Each structure stands twice: as structure tokens, then as C-alpha cells.
mmCIF file of all heavy atoms, coordinates in Angstrom:
data_MODEL
# 
_entry.id   MODEL 
# 
loop_
_atom_site.group_PDB 
_atom_site.id 
_atom_site.type_symbol 
_atom_site.label_atom_id 
_atom_site.label_alt_id 
_atom_site.label_comp_id 
_atom_site.label_asym_id 
_atom_site.label_entity_id 
_atom_site.label_seq_id 
_atom_site.pdbx_PDB_ins_code 
_atom_site.Cartn_x 
_atom_site.Cartn_y 
_atom_site.Cartn_z 
_atom_site.occupancy 
_atom_site.B_iso_or_equiv 
_atom_site.pdbx_formal_charge 
_atom_site.auth_seq_id 
_atom_site.auth_comp_id 
_atom_site.auth_asym_id 
_atom_site.auth_atom_id 
_atom_site.pdbx_PDB_model_num 
ATOM 1   N N   . LEU A 1 1  ? -5.195 -4.987  10.639 1.00 0.00 ? 1  LEU A N   1 
ATOM 2   C CA  . LEU A 1 1  ? -5.484 -5.307  9.243  1.00 0.00 ? 1  LEU A CA  1 
ATOM 3   C C   . LEU A 1 1  ? -5.048 -4.175  8.313  1.00 0.00 ? 1  LEU A C   1 
ATOM 4   O O   . LEU A 1 1  ? -4.583 -4.410  7.197  1.00 0.00 ? 1  LEU A O   1 
ATOM 5   C CB  . LEU A 1 1  ? -6.987 -5.604  9.090  1.00 0.00 ? 1  LEU A CB  1 
ATOM 6   C CG  . LEU A 1 1  ? -7.405 -6.057  7.674  1.00 0.00 ? 1  LEU A CG  1 
ATOM 7   C CD1 . LEU A 1 1  ? -6.664 -7.343  7.257  1.00 0.00 ? 1  LEU A CD1 1 
ATOM 8   C CD2 . LEU A 1 1  ? -8.930 -6.285  7.619  1.00 0.00 ? 1  LEU A CD2 1 
ATOM 9   N N   . HIS A 1 2  ? -5.240 -2.928  8.770  1.00 0.00 ? 2  HIS A N   1 
ATOM 10  C CA  . HIS A 1 2  ? -4.852 -1.768  7.968  1.00 0.00 ? 2  HIS A CA  1 
ATOM 11  C C   . HIS A 1 2  ? -3.873 -0.902  8.795  1.00 0.00 ? 2  HIS A C   1 
ATOM 12  O O   . HIS A 1 2  ? -4.212 0.196   9.231  1.00 0.00 ? 2  HIS A O   1 
ATOM 13  C CB  . HIS A 1 2  ? -6.068 -0.906  7.592  1.00 0.00 ? 2  HIS A CB  1 
ATOM 14  C CG  . HIS A 1 2  ? -7.090 -1.678  6.808  1.00 0.00 ? 2  HIS A CG  1 
ATOM 15  N ND1 . HIS A 1 2  ? -6.983 -1.947  5.454  1.00 0.00 ? 2  HIS A ND1 1 
ATOM 16  C CD2 . HIS A 1 2  ? -8.274 -2.283  7.192  1.00 0.00 ? 2  HIS A CD2 1 
ATOM 17  C CE1 . HIS A 1 2  ? -8.027 -2.627  5.032  1.00 0.00 ? 2  HIS A CE1 1 
ATOM 18  N NE2 . HIS A 1 2  ? -8.813 -2.855  6.083  1.00 0.00 ? 2  HIS A NE2 1 
ATOM 19  N N   . PRO A 1 3  ? -2.679 -1.401  9.024  1.00 0.00 ? 3  PRO A N   1 
ATOM 20  C CA  . PRO A 1 3  ? -1.744 -0.704  9.918  1.00 0.00 ? 3  PRO A CA  1 
ATOM 21  C C   . PRO A 1 3  ? -1.207 0.565   9.284  1.00 0.00 ? 3  PRO A C   1 
ATOM 22  O O   . PRO A 1 3  ? -0.780 0.575   8.106  1.00 0.00 ? 3  PRO A O   1 
ATOM 23  C CB  . PRO A 1 3  ? -0.618 -1.738  10.125 1.00 0.00 ? 3  PRO A CB  1 
ATOM 24  C CG  . PRO A 1 3  ? -0.667 -2.562  8.877  1.00 0.00 ? 3  PRO A CG  1 
ATOM 25  C CD  . PRO A 1 3  ? -2.086 -2.641  8.450  1.00 0.00 ? 3  PRO A CD  1 
ATOM 26  N N   . ASP A 1 4  ? -1.153 1.644   10.083 1.00 0.00 ? 4  ASP A N   1 
ATOM 27  C CA  . ASP A 1 4  ? -0.539 2.901   9.594  1.00 0.00 ? 4  ASP A CA  1 
ATOM 28  C C   . ASP A 1 4  ? 0.987  2.766   9.606  1.00 0.00 ? 4  ASP A C   1 
ATOM 29  O O   . ASP A 1 4  ? 1.658  3.301   8.715  1.00 0.00 ? 4  ASP A O   1 
ATOM 30  C CB  . ASP A 1 4  ? -0.954 4.061   10.523 1.00 0.00 ? 4  ASP A CB  1 
ATOM 31  C CG  . ASP A 1 4  ? -2.446 4.344   10.413 1.00 0.00 ? 4  ASP A CG  1 
ATOM 32  O OD1 . ASP A 1 4  ? -3.012 4.142   9.326  1.00 0.00 ? 4  ASP A OD1 1 
ATOM 33  O OD2 . ASP A 1 4  ? -3.020 4.773   11.419 1.00 0.00 ? 4  ASP A OD2 1 
ATOM 34  N N   . LYS A 1 5  ? 1.511  2.059   10.627 1.00 0.00 ? 5  LYS A N   1 
ATOM 35  C CA  . LYS A 1 5  ? 2.947  1.877   10.742 1.00 0.00 ? 5  LYS A CA  1 
ATOM 36  C C   . LYS A 1 5  ? 3.211  0.598   11.535 1.00 0.00 ? 5  LYS A C   1 
ATOM 37  O O   . LYS A 1 5  ? 2.311  0.043   12.155 1.00 0.00 ? 5  LYS A O   1 
ATOM 38  C CB  . LYS A 1 5  ? 3.592  3.067   11.433 1.00 0.00 ? 5  LYS A CB  1 
ATOM 39  C CG  . LYS A 1 5  ? 3.071  3.334   12.859 1.00 0.00 ? 5  LYS A CG  1 
ATOM 40  C CD  . LYS A 1 5  ? 3.726  4.558   13.426 1.00 0.00 ? 5  LYS A CD  1 
ATOM 41  C CE  . LYS A 1 5  ? 3.220  4.804   14.865 1.00 0.00 ? 5  LYS A CE  1 
ATOM 42  N NZ  . LYS A 1 5  ? 3.845  5.970   15.482 1.00 0.00 ? 5  LYS A NZ  1 
ATOM 43  N N   . ASP A 1 6  ? 4.441  0.143   11.486 1.00 0.00 ? 6  ASP A N   1 
ATOM 44  C CA  . ASP A 1 6  ? 4.796  -1.020  12.269 1.00 0.00 ? 6  ASP A CA  1 
ATOM 45  C C   . ASP A 1 6  ? 4.962  -0.674  13.733 1.00 0.00 ? 6  ASP A C   1 
ATOM 46  O O   . ASP A 1 6  ? 5.446  0.415   14.087 1.00 0.00 ? 6  ASP A O   1 
ATOM 47  C CB  . ASP A 1 6  ? 6.137  -1.609  11.760 1.00 0.00 ? 6  ASP A CB  1 
ATOM 48  C CG  . ASP A 1 6  ? 6.016  -2.271  10.406 1.00 0.00 ? 6  ASP A CG  1 
ATOM 49  O OD1 . ASP A 1 6  ? 4.899  -2.725  10.067 1.00 0.00 ? 6  ASP A OD1 1 
ATOM 50  O OD2 . ASP A 1 6  ? 7.025  -2.308  9.670  1.00 0.00 ? 6  ASP A OD2 1 
ATOM 51  N N   . PRO A 1 7  ? 4.583  -1.594  14.639 1.00 0.00 ? 7  PRO A N   1 
ATOM 52  C CA  . PRO A 1 7  ? 4.794  -1.333  16.049 1.00 0.00 ? 7  PRO A CA  1 
ATOM 53  C C   . PRO A 1 7  ? 6.293  -1.303  16.370 1.00 0.00 ? 7  PRO A C   1 
ATOM 54  O O   . PRO A 1 7  ? 7.114  -1.777  15.580 1.00 0.00 ? 7  PRO A O   1 
ATOM 55  C CB  . PRO A 1 7  ? 4.115  -2.550  16.714 1.00 0.00 ? 7  PRO A CB  1 
ATOM 56  C CG  . PRO A 1 7  ? 3.218  -3.131  15.695 1.00 0.00 ? 7  PRO A CG  1 
ATOM 57  C CD  . PRO A 1 7  ? 3.883  -2.832  14.391 1.00 0.00 ? 7  PRO A CD  1 
ATOM 58  N N   . PRO A 1 8  ? 6.670  -0.783  17.531 1.00 0.00 ? 8  PRO A N   1 
ATOM 59  C CA  . PRO A 1 8  ? 8.101  -0.770  17.898 1.00 0.00 ? 8  PRO A CA  1 
ATOM 60  C C   . PRO A 1 8  ? 8.659  -2.201  17.926 1.00 0.00 ? 8  PRO A C   1 
ATOM 61  O O   . PRO A 1 8  ? 8.034  -3.142  18.414 1.00 0.00 ? 8  PRO A O   1 
ATOM 62  C CB  . PRO A 1 8  ? 8.079  -0.159  19.320 1.00 0.00 ? 8  PRO A CB  1 
ATOM 63  C CG  . PRO A 1 8  ? 6.816  0.611   19.382 1.00 0.00 ? 8  PRO A CG  1 
ATOM 64  C CD  . PRO A 1 8  ? 5.838  -0.107  18.522 1.00 0.00 ? 8  PRO A CD  1 
ATOM 65  N N   . ALA A 1 9  ? 9.849  -2.352  17.361 1.00 0.00 ? 9  ALA A N   1 
ATOM 66  C CA  . ALA A 1 9  ? 10.592 -3.609  17.363 1.00 0.00 ? 9  ALA A CA  1 
ATOM 67  C C   . ALA A 1 9  ? 9.819  -4.754  16.700 1.00 0.00 ? 9  ALA A C   1 
ATOM 68  O O   . ALA A 1 9  ? 9.977  -5.900  17.023 1.00 0.00 ? 9  ALA A O   1 
ATOM 69  C CB  . ALA A 1 9  ? 10.990 -3.997  18.780 1.00 0.00 ? 9  ALA A CB  1 
ATOM 70  N N   . GLY A 1 10 ? 8.950  -4.400  15.736 1.00 0.00 ? 10 GLY A N   1 
ATOM 71  C CA  . GLY A 1 10 ? 8.155  -5.419  15.079 1.00 0.00 ? 10 GLY A CA  1 
ATOM 72  C C   . GLY A 1 10 ? 7.829  -5.019  13.654 1.00 0.00 ? 10 GLY A C   1 
ATOM 73  O O   . GLY A 1 10 ? 8.045  -3.889  13.256 1.00 0.00 ? 10 GLY A O   1 
ATOM 74  N N   . VAL A 1 11 ? 7.323  -5.993  12.895 1.00 0.00 ? 11 VAL A N   1 
ATOM 75  C CA  . VAL A 1 11 ? 6.971  -5.766  11.482 1.00 0.00 ? 11 VAL A CA  1 
ATOM 76  C C   . VAL A 1 11 ? 5.644  -6.427  11.227 1.00 0.00 ? 11 VAL A C   1 
ATOM 77  O O   . VAL A 1 11 ? 5.404  -7.572  11.628 1.00 0.00 ? 11 VAL A O   1 
ATOM 78  C CB  . VAL A 1 11 ? 8.054  -6.345  10.540 1.00 0.00 ? 11 VAL A CB  1 
ATOM 79  C CG1 . VAL A 1 11 ? 7.598  -6.314  9.107  1.00 0.00 ? 11 VAL A CG1 1 
ATOM 80  C CG2 . VAL A 1 11 ? 9.369  -5.564  10.703 1.00 0.00 ? 11 VAL A CG2 1 
ATOM 81  N N   . ILE A 1 12 ? 4.754  -5.735  10.522 1.00 0.00 ? 12 ILE A N   1 
ATOM 82  C CA  . ILE A 1 12 ? 3.526  -6.291  9.976  1.00 0.00 ? 12 ILE A CA  1 
ATOM 83  C C   . ILE A 1 12 ? 3.735  -6.408  8.469  1.00 0.00 ? 12 ILE A C   1 
ATOM 84  O O   . ILE A 1 12 ? 3.787  -5.424  7.748  1.00 0.00 ? 12 ILE A O   1 
ATOM 85  C CB  . ILE A 1 12 ? 2.301  -5.419  10.311 1.00 0.00 ? 12 ILE A CB  1 
ATOM 86  C CG1 . ILE A 1 12 ? 2.175  -5.227  11.807 1.00 0.00 ? 12 ILE A CG1 1 
ATOM 87  C CG2 . ILE A 1 12 ? 1.040  -6.008  9.716  1.00 0.00 ? 12 ILE A CG2 1 
ATOM 88  C CD1 . ILE A 1 12 ? 1.174  -4.155  12.201 1.00 0.00 ? 12 ILE A CD1 1 
ATOM 89  N N   . ARG A 1 13 ? 3.868  -7.618  7.958  1.00 0.00 ? 13 ARG A N   1 
ATOM 90  C CA  . ARG A 1 13 ? 4.052  -7.774  6.521  1.00 0.00 ? 13 ARG A CA  1 
ATOM 91  C C   . ARG A 1 13 ? 2.773  -7.429  5.776  1.00 0.00 ? 13 ARG A C   1 
ATOM 92  O O   . ARG A 1 13 ? 1.670  -7.729  6.257  1.00 0.00 ? 13 ARG A O   1 
ATOM 93  C CB  . ARG A 1 13 ? 4.493  -9.199  6.185  1.00 0.00 ? 13 ARG A CB  1 
ATOM 94  C CG  . ARG A 1 13 ? 5.866  -9.570  6.745  1.00 0.00 ? 13 ARG A CG  1 
ATOM 95  C CD  . ARG A 1 13 ? 6.347  -10.897 6.254  1.00 0.00 ? 13 ARG A CD  1 
ATOM 96  N NE  . ARG A 1 13 ? 7.548  -11.322 6.927  1.00 0.00 ? 13 ARG A NE  1 
ATOM 97  C CZ  . ARG A 1 13 ? 8.181  -12.510 6.695  1.00 0.00 ? 13 ARG A CZ  1 
ATOM 98  N NH1 . ARG A 1 13 ? 7.686  -13.323 5.795  1.00 0.00 ? 13 ARG A NH1 1 
ATOM 99  N NH2 . ARG A 1 13 ? 9.257  -12.809 7.369  1.00 0.00 ? 13 ARG A NH2 1 
ATOM 100 N N   . ARG A 1 14 ? 2.927  -6.752  4.622  1.00 0.00 ? 14 ARG A N   1 
ATOM 101 C CA  . ARG A 1 14 ? 1.798  -6.280  3.863  1.00 0.00 ? 14 ARG A CA  1 
ATOM 102 C C   . ARG A 1 14 ? 1.636  -7.041  2.545  1.00 0.00 ? 14 ARG A C   1 
ATOM 103 O O   . ARG A 1 14 ? 2.539  -7.680  2.063  1.00 0.00 ? 14 ARG A O   1 
ATOM 104 C CB  . ARG A 1 14 ? 1.952  -4.800  3.551  1.00 0.00 ? 14 ARG A CB  1 
ATOM 105 C CG  . ARG A 1 14 ? 1.431  -3.880  4.673  1.00 0.00 ? 14 ARG A CG  1 
ATOM 106 C CD  . ARG A 1 14 ? 2.533  -3.331  5.448  1.00 0.00 ? 14 ARG A CD  1 
ATOM 107 N NE  . ARG A 1 14 ? 2.171  -2.212  6.302  1.00 0.00 ? 14 ARG A NE  1 
ATOM 108 C CZ  . ARG A 1 14 ? 2.760  -1.927  7.428  1.00 0.00 ? 14 ARG A CZ  1 
ATOM 109 N NH1 . ARG A 1 14 ? 3.762  -2.658  7.874  1.00 0.00 ? 14 ARG A NH1 1 
ATOM 110 N NH2 . ARG A 1 14 ? 2.349  -0.897  8.172  1.00 0.00 ? 14 ARG A NH2 1 
ATOM 111 N N   . GLU A 1 15 ? 0.443  -6.893  2.009  1.00 0.00 ? 15 GLU A N   1 
ATOM 112 C CA  . GLU A 1 15 ? 0.162  -7.469  0.705  1.00 0.00 ? 15 GLU A CA  1 
ATOM 113 C C   . GLU A 1 15 ? 0.759  -6.570  -0.390 1.00 0.00 ? 15 GLU A C   1 
ATOM 114 O O   . GLU A 1 15 ? 1.401  -5.553  -0.075 1.00 0.00 ? 15 GLU A O   1 
ATOM 115 C CB  . GLU A 1 15 ? -1.369 -7.606  0.502  1.00 0.00 ? 15 GLU A CB  1 
ATOM 116 C CG  . GLU A 1 15 ? -1.941 -8.648  1.463  1.00 0.00 ? 15 GLU A CG  1 
ATOM 117 C CD  . GLU A 1 15 ? -3.448 -8.825  1.311  1.00 0.00 ? 15 GLU A CD  1 
ATOM 118 O OE1 . GLU A 1 15 ? -4.113 -7.965  0.681  1.00 0.00 ? 15 GLU A OE1 1 
ATOM 119 O OE2 . GLU A 1 15 ? -3.971 -9.825  1.834  1.00 0.00 ? 15 GLU A OE2 1 
ATOM 120 N N   . ALA A 1 16 ? 0.535  -6.900  -1.641 1.00 0.00 ? 16 ALA A N   1 
ATOM 121 C CA  . ALA A 1 16 ? 1.192  -6.193  -2.729 1.00 0.00 ? 16 ALA A CA  1 
ATOM 122 C C   . ALA A 1 16 ? 0.889  -4.698  -2.760 1.00 0.00 ? 16 ALA A C   1 
ATOM 123 O O   . ALA A 1 16 ? 1.707  -3.927  -3.243 1.00 0.00 ? 16 ALA A O   1 
ATOM 124 C CB  . ALA A 1 16 ? 0.791  -6.838  -4.069 1.00 0.00 ? 16 ALA A CB  1 
ATOM 125 N N   . ASP A 1 17 ? -0.279 -4.275  -2.232 1.00 0.00 ? 17 ASP A N   1 
ATOM 126 C CA  . ASP A 1 17 ? -0.618 -2.866  -2.227 1.00 0.00 ? 17 ASP A CA  1 
ATOM 127 C C   . ASP A 1 17 ? 0.187  -2.075  -1.199 1.00 0.00 ? 17 ASP A C   1 
ATOM 128 O O   . ASP A 1 17 ? 0.131  -0.838  -1.173 1.00 0.00 ? 17 ASP A O   1 
ATOM 129 C CB  . ASP A 1 17 ? -2.116 -2.667  -2.003 1.00 0.00 ? 17 ASP A CB  1 
ATOM 130 C CG  . ASP A 1 17 ? -2.568 -3.144  -0.637 1.00 0.00 ? 17 ASP A CG  1 
ATOM 131 O OD1 . ASP A 1 17 ? -1.719 -3.601  0.169  1.00 0.00 ? 17 ASP A OD1 1 
ATOM 132 O OD2 . ASP A 1 17 ? -3.798 -3.060  -0.371 1.00 0.00 ? 17 ASP A OD2 1 
ATOM 133 N N   . GLY A 1 18 ? 0.927  -2.794  -0.323 1.00 0.00 ? 18 GLY A N   1 
ATOM 134 C CA  . GLY A 1 18 ? 1.717  -2.108  0.696  1.00 0.00 ? 18 GLY A CA  1 
ATOM 135 C C   . GLY A 1 18 ? 0.913  -1.534  1.823  1.00 0.00 ? 18 GLY A C   1 
ATOM 136 O O   . GLY A 1 18 ? 1.458  -0.832  2.708  1.00 0.00 ? 18 GLY A O   1 
ATOM 137 N N   . LYS A 1 19 ? -0.379 -1.836  1.891  1.00 0.00 ? 19 LYS A N   1 
ATOM 138 C CA  . LYS A 1 19 ? -1.251 -1.244  2.911  1.00 0.00 ? 19 LYS A CA  1 
ATOM 139 C C   . LYS A 1 19 ? -1.946 -2.275  3.809  1.00 0.00 ? 19 LYS A C   1 
ATOM 140 O O   . LYS A 1 19 ? -2.022 -2.121  5.005  1.00 0.00 ? 19 LYS A O   1 
ATOM 141 C CB  . LYS A 1 19 ? -2.317 -0.365  2.246  1.00 0.00 ? 19 LYS A CB  1 
ATOM 142 C CG  . LYS A 1 19 ? -1.739 0.806   1.444  1.00 0.00 ? 19 LYS A CG  1 
ATOM 143 C CD  . LYS A 1 19 ? -2.861 1.631   0.784  1.00 0.00 ? 19 LYS A CD  1 
ATOM 144 C CE  . LYS A 1 19 ? -2.293 2.773   -0.015 1.00 0.00 ? 19 LYS A CE  1 
ATOM 145 N NZ  . LYS A 1 19 ? -3.352 3.577   -0.694 1.00 0.00 ? 19 LYS A NZ  1 
ATOM 146 N N   . ILE A 1 20 ? -2.476 -3.321  3.216  1.00 0.00 ? 20 ILE A N   1 
ATOM 147 C CA  . ILE A 1 20 ? -3.257 -4.317  3.959  1.00 0.00 ? 20 ILE A CA  1 
ATOM 148 C C   . ILE A 1 20 ? -2.333 -5.422  4.448  1.00 0.00 ? 20 ILE A C   1 
ATOM 149 O O   . ILE A 1 20 ? -1.463 -5.888  3.709  1.00 0.00 ? 20 ILE A O   1 
ATOM 150 C CB  . ILE A 1 20 ? -4.354 -4.927  3.068  1.00 0.00 ? 20 ILE A CB  1 
ATOM 151 C CG1 . ILE A 1 20 ? -5.285 -3.821  2.557  1.00 0.00 ? 20 ILE A CG1 1 
ATOM 152 C CG2 . ILE A 1 20 ? -5.156 -5.963  3.864  1.00 0.00 ? 20 ILE A CG2 1 
ATOM 153 C CD1 . ILE A 1 20 ? -6.332 -4.288  1.589  1.00 0.00 ? 20 ILE A CD1 1 
ATOM 154 N N   . ALA A 1 21 ? -2.503 -5.800  5.701  1.00 0.00 ? 21 ALA A N   1 
ATOM 155 C CA  . ALA A 1 21 ? -1.676 -6.822  6.284  1.00 0.00 ? 21 ALA A CA  1 
ATOM 156 C C   . ALA A 1 21 ? -1.851 -8.167  5.531  1.00 0.00 ? 21 ALA A C   1 
ATOM 157 O O   . ALA A 1 21 ? -2.986 -8.570  5.215  1.00 0.00 ? 21 ALA A O   1 
ATOM 158 C CB  . ALA A 1 21 ? -2.042 -7.037  7.777  1.00 0.00 ? 21 ALA A CB  1 
ATOM 159 N N   . SER A 1 22 ? -0.732 -8.858  5.302  1.00 0.00 ? 22 SER A N   1 
ATOM 160 C CA  . SER A 1 22 ? -0.772 -10.149 4.597  1.00 0.00 ? 22 SER A CA  1 
ATOM 161 C C   . SER A 1 22 ? -1.189 -11.274 5.517  1.00 0.00 ? 22 SER A C   1 
ATOM 162 O O   . SER A 1 22 ? -1.611 -12.337 5.066  1.00 0.00 ? 22 SER A O   1 
ATOM 163 C CB  . SER A 1 22 ? 0.587  -10.465 4.030  1.00 0.00 ? 22 SER A CB  1 
ATOM 164 O OG  . SER A 1 22 ? 1.538  -10.756 5.073  1.00 0.00 ? 22 SER A OG  1 
ATOM 165 N N   . GLY A 1 23 ? -1.019 -11.042 6.824  1.00 0.00 ? 23 GLY A N   1 
ATOM 166 C CA  . GLY A 1 23 ? -1.296 -12.097 7.818  1.00 0.00 ? 23 GLY A CA  1 
ATOM 167 C C   . GLY A 1 23 ? -0.087 -12.480 8.623  1.00 0.00 ? 23 GLY A C   1 
ATOM 168 O O   . GLY A 1 23 ? -0.203 -13.046 9.693  1.00 0.00 ? 23 GLY A O   1 
ATOM 169 N N   . VAL A 1 24 ? 1.122  -12.225 8.118  1.00 0.00 ? 24 VAL A N   1 
ATOM 170 C CA  . VAL A 1 24 ? 2.375  -12.575 8.779  1.00 0.00 ? 24 VAL A CA  1 
ATOM 171 C C   . VAL A 1 24 ? 2.843  -11.417 9.657  1.00 0.00 ? 24 VAL A C   1 
ATOM 172 O O   . VAL A 1 24 ? 2.986  -10.280 9.160  1.00 0.00 ? 24 VAL A O   1 
ATOM 173 C CB  . VAL A 1 24 ? 3.449  -12.983 7.803  1.00 0.00 ? 24 VAL A CB  1 
ATOM 174 C CG1 . VAL A 1 24 ? 4.740  -13.386 8.526  1.00 0.00 ? 24 VAL A CG1 1 
ATOM 175 C CG2 . VAL A 1 24 ? 2.983  -14.164 6.924  1.00 0.00 ? 24 VAL A CG2 1 
ATOM 176 N N   . ILE A 1 25 ? 3.066  -11.706 10.922 1.00 0.00 ? 25 ILE A N   1 
ATOM 177 C CA  . ILE A 1 25 ? 3.470  -10.703 11.896 1.00 0.00 ? 25 ILE A CA  1 
ATOM 178 C C   . ILE A 1 25 ? 4.831  -11.104 12.470 1.00 0.00 ? 25 ILE A C   1 
ATOM 179 O O   . ILE A 1 25 ? 5.072  -12.300 12.757 1.00 0.00 ? 25 ILE A O   1 
ATOM 180 C CB  . ILE A 1 25 ? 2.445  -10.653 13.067 1.00 0.00 ? 25 ILE A CB  1 
ATOM 181 C CG1 . ILE A 1 25 ? 1.033  -10.461 12.487 1.00 0.00 ? 25 ILE A CG1 1 
ATOM 182 C CG2 . ILE A 1 25 ? 2.788  -9.514  14.028 1.00 0.00 ? 25 ILE A CG2 1 
ATOM 183 C CD1 . ILE A 1 25 ? 0.769  -9.197  11.774 1.00 0.00 ? 25 ILE A CD1 1 
ATOM 184 N N   . GLU A 1 26 ? 5.715  -10.142 12.694 1.00 0.00 ? 26 GLU A N   1 
ATOM 185 C CA  . GLU A 1 26 ? 7.055  -10.406 13.215 1.00 0.00 ? 26 GLU A CA  1 
ATOM 186 C C   . GLU A 1 26 ? 7.298  -9.742  14.550 1.00 0.00 ? 26 GLU A C   1 
ATOM 187 O O   . GLU A 1 26 ? 6.861  -8.591  14.797 1.00 0.00 ? 26 GLU A O   1 
ATOM 188 C CB  . GLU A 1 26 ? 8.124  -9.890  12.231 1.00 0.00 ? 26 GLU A CB  1 
ATOM 189 C CG  . GLU A 1 26 ? 8.100  -10.534 10.864 1.00 0.00 ? 26 GLU A CG  1 
ATOM 190 C CD  . GLU A 1 26 ? 9.153  -9.930  9.951  1.00 0.00 ? 26 GLU A CD  1 
ATOM 191 O OE1 . GLU A 1 26 ? 9.999  -9.153  10.436 1.00 0.00 ? 26 GLU A OE1 1 
ATOM 192 O OE2 . GLU A 1 26 ? 9.115  -10.216 8.727  1.00 0.00 ? 26 GLU A OE2 1 
ATOM 193 N N   . GLU A 1 27 ? 8.023  -10.424 15.411 1.00 0.00 ? 27 GLU A N   1 
ATOM 194 C CA  . GLU A 1 27 ? 8.672  -9.895  16.613 1.00 0.00 ? 27 GLU A CA  1 
ATOM 195 C C   . GLU A 1 27 ? 7.713  -9.099  17.493 1.00 0.00 ? 27 GLU A C   1 
ATOM 196 O O   . GLU A 1 27 ? 6.683  -9.582  17.868 1.00 0.00 ? 27 GLU A O   1 
ATOM 197 C CB  . GLU A 1 27 ? 9.929  -9.090  16.217 1.00 0.00 ? 27 GLU A CB  1 
ATOM 198 C CG  . GLU A 1 27 ? 10.935 -9.874  15.401 1.00 0.00 ? 27 GLU A CG  1 
ATOM 199 C CD  . GLU A 1 27 ? 11.555 -11.042 16.147 1.00 0.00 ? 27 GLU A CD  1 
ATOM 200 O OE1 . GLU A 1 27 ? 11.462 -11.113 17.386 1.00 0.00 ? 27 GLU A OE1 1 
ATOM 201 O OE2 . GLU A 1 27 ? 12.149 -11.937 15.489 1.00 0.00 ? 27 GLU A OE2 1 
ATOM 202 N N   . GLY A 1 28 ? 8.067  -7.843  17.837 1.00 0.00 ? 28 GLY A N   1 
ATOM 203 C CA  . GLY A 1 28 ? 7.314  -7.066  18.798 1.00 0.00 ? 28 GLY A CA  1 
ATOM 204 C C   . GLY A 1 28 ? 5.849  -6.846  18.463 1.00 0.00 ? 28 GLY A C   1 
ATOM 205 O O   . GLY A 1 28 ? 5.049  -6.570  19.346 1.00 0.00 ? 28 GLY A O   1 
# 
């Protein structure tokens, strides 16, 4: 929910504040 960084080979999309996860997760 509050990711410091994206995991390897993956992306955690964030909300407008750039900090809290939007809910959409990619790849790794």
C-alpha cells in the first residue's frame, strides 16, 4: 500500500501523491 520502491521487474502504480498504491500492479 505504501511502497518505498517497485519490486524487481515490476511496477506498483501510485495515486496522484506518488506514494500510495492506486491498486494496479504490473508484472513481477
